Amino acid sequence: MAFLGLVPSEHSSGRSRRTGAITRTGNSFLRLLLVETSWHYALAERMSEKLDRKRRGASGQIAAYAARASERLHRVYARLSYRRRNGKVAVVAVARELAGFVWGIMTDSTL
């Protein structure tokens, strides 16, 4: 997540700790793809025929991982928008979570 610049910047001194906007370090194209993809989690997931075919073609573990990720990402967006956060802030938070799921599926040797 830090590699993509999706973590908040920090300005700390002594006991005070202030976080700011995202750092924007790393690959800007990958960050853009994650943020644009994250806008889709604002709506509840509807299983299209195309998505259903793709999930049926994948292994059971990967399909379950994808379903868990989809549910969690939608919940993160819903929770942040319920708290009256700016929509853009909520989407960047979802993009950060999505980066974690992508990293997890790439590094998990059991999948």
C-alpha atoms as a PDB file:
ATOM      1  CA  MET A   1       0.000   0.000   0.000  1.00  0.00           C
ATOM      2  CA  ALA A   2       2.877   2.337   0.760  1.00  0.00           C
ATOM      3  CA  PHE A   3       4.534   1.288  -2.503  1.00  0.00           C
ATOM      4  CA  LEU A   4       1.510   2.646  -4.366  1.00  0.00           C
ATOM      5  CA  GLY A   5       1.235   5.835  -2.319  1.00  0.00           C
ATOM      6  CA  LEU A   6      -2.122   4.932  -0.794  1.00  0.00           C
ATOM      7  CA  VAL A   7      -1.106   5.584   2.813  1.00  0.00           C
ATOM      8  CA  PRO A   8      -1.579   8.916   4.612  1.00  0.00           C
ATOM      9  CA  SER A   9       1.365  11.256   5.042  1.00  0.00           C
ATOM     10  CA  GLU A  10       2.346  12.008   8.613  1.00  0.00           C
ATOM     11  CA  HIS A  11       3.662  15.133  10.305  1.00  0.00           C
ATOM     12  CA  SER A  12       4.663  14.288  13.870  1.00  0.00           C
ATOM     13  CA  SER A  13       6.519  16.158  16.551  1.00  0.00           C
ATOM     14  CA  GLY A  14       6.727  15.032  20.135  1.00  0.00           C
ATOM     15  CA  ARG A  15       3.329  13.870  21.302  1.00  0.00           C
ATOM     16  CA  SER A  16       1.393  15.395  18.403  1.00  0.00           C
ATOM     17  CA  ARG A  17       0.664  13.209  15.434  1.00  0.00           C
ATOM     18  CA  ARG A  18      -1.011  14.628  12.357  1.00  0.00           C
ATOM     19  CA  THR A  19      -1.898  12.666   9.275  1.00  0.00           C
ATOM     20  CA  GLY A  20      -2.431  14.292   5.924  1.00  0.00           C
ATOM     21  CA  ALA A  21      -3.314  13.378   2.375  1.00  0.00           C
ATOM     22  CA  ILE A  22      -2.026  10.232   0.672  1.00  0.00           C
ATOM     23  CA  THR A  23       1.682  10.273  -0.129  1.00  0.00           C
ATOM     24  CA  ARG A  24       1.296   9.650  -3.895  1.00  0.00           C
ATOM     25  CA  THR A  25       4.626   7.878  -4.133  1.00  0.00           C
ATOM     26  CA  GLY A  26       5.100   4.909  -6.393  1.00  0.00           C
ATOM     27  CA  ASN A  27       3.441   4.020  -9.649  1.00  0.00           C
ATOM     28  CA  SER A  28       0.743   6.579 -10.432  1.00  0.00           C
ATOM     29  CA  PHE A  29      -0.840   4.395 -13.136  1.00  0.00           C
ATOM     30  CA  LEU A  30      -1.417   1.490 -10.734  1.00  0.00           C
ATOM     31  CA  ARG A  31      -2.797   3.907  -8.144  1.00  0.00           C
ATOM     32  CA  LEU A  32      -5.165   5.314 -10.775  1.00  0.00           C
ATOM     33  CA  LEU A  33      -6.356   1.819 -11.740  1.00  0.00           C
ATOM     34  CA  LEU A  34      -7.061   0.897  -8.123  1.00  0.00           C
ATOM     35  CA  VAL A  35      -8.918   4.137  -7.417  1.00  0.00           C
ATOM     36  CA  GLU A  36     -11.021   3.884 -10.579  1.00  0.00           C
ATOM     37  CA  THR A  37     -11.826   0.253  -9.793  1.00  0.00           C
ATOM     38  CA  SER A  38     -12.800   1.200  -6.251  1.00  0.00           C
ATOM     39  CA  TRP A  39     -15.656   3.397  -7.476  1.00  0.00           C
ATOM     40  CA  HIS A  40     -17.510   0.189  -8.390  1.00  0.00           C
ATOM     41  CA  TYR A  41     -17.687  -0.847  -4.743  1.00  0.00           C
ATOM     42  CA  ALA A  42     -19.954   2.108  -3.963  1.00  0.00           C
ATOM     43  CA  LEU A  43     -22.849   0.012  -5.250  1.00  0.00           C
ATOM     44  CA  ALA A  44     -23.832  -3.388  -3.948  1.00  0.00           C
ATOM     45  CA  GLU A  45     -22.452  -6.230  -6.023  1.00  0.00           C
ATOM     46  CA  ARG A  46     -24.757  -7.645  -8.651  1.00  0.00           C
ATOM     47  CA  MET A  47     -23.604 -10.879 -10.204  1.00  0.00           C
ATOM     48  CA  SER A  48     -23.676 -10.476 -13.977  1.00  0.00           C
ATOM     49  CA  GLU A  49     -23.613 -13.505 -16.235  1.00  0.00           C
ATOM     50  CA  LYS A  50     -20.085 -12.664 -17.377  1.00  0.00           C
ATOM     51  CA  LEU A  51     -18.795 -12.380 -13.809  1.00  0.00           C
ATOM     52  CA  ASP A  52     -20.606 -15.575 -12.841  1.00  0.00           C
ATOM     53  CA  ARG A  53     -18.894 -17.446 -15.715  1.00  0.00           C
ATOM     54  CA  LYS A  54     -15.487 -16.106 -14.679  1.00  0.00           C
ATOM     55  CA  ARG A  55     -15.993 -17.169 -11.076  1.00  0.00           C
ATOM     56  CA  ARG A  56     -17.168 -20.630 -12.113  1.00  0.00           C
ATOM     57  CA  GLY A  57     -14.009 -21.001 -14.227  1.00  0.00           C
ATOM     58  CA  ALA A  58     -11.738 -20.118 -11.281  1.00  0.00           C
ATOM     59  CA  SER A  59     -10.767 -22.472  -8.497  1.00  0.00           C
ATOM     60  CA  GLY A  60     -13.045 -22.627  -5.468  1.00  0.00           C
ATOM     61  CA  GLN A  61     -10.556 -20.953  -3.148  1.00  0.00           C
ATOM     62  CA  ILE A  62      -9.962 -18.012  -5.488  1.00  0.00           C
ATOM     63  CA  ALA A  63     -13.694 -17.537  -6.092  1.00  0.00           C
ATOM     64  CA  ALA A  64     -14.303 -17.526  -2.324  1.00  0.00           C
ATOM     65  CA  TYR A  65     -11.437 -15.051  -1.822  1.00  0.00           C
ATOM     66  CA  ALA A  66     -12.918 -12.778  -4.504  1.00  0.00           C
ATOM     67  CA  ALA A  67     -16.374 -12.947  -2.931  1.00  0.00           C
ATOM     68  CA  ARG A  68     -14.958 -12.112   0.509  1.00  0.00           C
ATOM     69  CA  ALA A  69     -12.997  -9.208  -0.961  1.00  0.00           C
ATOM     70  CA  SER A  70     -16.030  -7.845  -2.767  1.00  0.00           C
ATOM     71  CA  GLU A  71     -18.187  -7.957   0.360  1.00  0.00           C
ATOM     72  CA  ARG A  72     -15.533  -6.330   2.537  1.00  0.00           C
ATOM     73  CA  LEU A  73     -14.750  -3.565   0.051  1.00  0.00           C
ATOM     74  CA  HIS A  74     -18.412  -2.657  -0.255  1.00  0.00           C
ATOM     75  CA  ARG A  75     -18.740  -2.635   3.554  1.00  0.00           C
ATOM     76  CA  VAL A  76     -15.718  -0.318   3.890  1.00  0.00           C
ATOM     77  CA  TYR A  77     -17.226   2.133   1.425  1.00  0.00           C
ATOM     78  CA  ALA A  78     -20.672   1.945   3.048  1.00  0.00           C
ATOM     79  CA  ARG A  79     -19.245   2.445   6.552  1.00  0.00           C
ATOM     80  CA  LEU A  80     -17.206   5.475   5.519  1.00  0.00           C
ATOM     81  CA  SER A  81     -20.066   7.074   3.589  1.00  0.00           C
ATOM     82  CA  TYR A  82     -22.389   6.453   6.541  1.00  0.00           C
ATOM     83  CA  ARG A  83     -19.932   8.428   8.658  1.00  0.00           C
ATOM     84  CA  ARG A  84     -20.394  11.285   6.184  1.00  0.00           C
ATOM     85  CA  ARG A  85     -16.886  11.033   4.766  1.00  0.00           C
ATOM     86  CA  ASN A  86     -16.180  12.638   1.428  1.00  0.00           C
ATOM     87  CA  GLY A  87     -16.857  10.128  -1.368  1.00  0.00           C
ATOM     88  CA  LYS A  88     -13.347  10.525  -2.725  1.00  0.00           C
ATOM     89  CA  VAL A  89     -11.811   9.790   0.664  1.00  0.00           C
ATOM     90  CA  ALA A  90     -13.934   6.653   0.971  1.00  0.00           C
ATOM     91  CA  VAL A  91     -12.905   5.497  -2.515  1.00  0.00           C
ATOM     92  CA  VAL A  92      -9.196   5.950  -1.752  1.00  0.00           C
ATOM     93  CA  ALA A  93      -9.675   3.943   1.455  1.00  0.00           C
ATOM     94  CA  VAL A  94     -11.322   1.183  -0.594  1.00  0.00           C
ATOM     95  CA  ALA A  95      -8.430   1.334  -3.093  1.00  0.00           C
ATOM     96  CA  ARG A  96      -6.003   0.801  -0.202  1.00  0.00           C
ATOM     97  CA  GLU A  97      -7.979  -2.254   0.945  1.00  0.00           C
ATOM     98  CA  LEU A  98      -8.128  -3.538  -2.634  1.00  0.00           C
ATOM     99  CA  ALA A  99      -4.346  -3.262  -2.878  1.00  0.00           C
ATOM    100  CA  GLY A 100      -4.137  -5.430   0.239  1.00  0.00           C
ATOM    101  CA  PHE A 101      -6.387  -8.075  -1.313  1.00  0.00           C
ATOM    102  CA  VAL A 102      -4.382  -8.087  -4.545  1.00  0.00           C
ATOM    103  CA  TRP A 103      -1.144  -8.438  -2.582  1.00  0.00           C
ATOM    104  CA  GLY A 104      -2.706 -11.217  -0.503  1.00  0.00           C
ATOM    105  CA  ILE A 105      -3.793 -13.264  -3.482  1.00  0.00           C
ATOM    106  CA  MET A 106      -0.363 -12.859  -5.094  1.00  0.00           C
ATOM    107  CA  THR A 107       1.584 -13.941  -2.027  1.00  0.00           C
ATOM    108  CA  ASP A 108      -0.651 -16.688  -0.620  1.00  0.00           C
ATOM    109  CA  SER A 109       0.911 -19.987  -1.606  1.00  0.00           C
ATOM    110  CA  THR A 110      -2.221 -21.995  -0.794  1.00  0.00           C
ATOM    111  CA  LEU A 111      -4.320 -20.341  -3.519  1.00  0.00           C
END
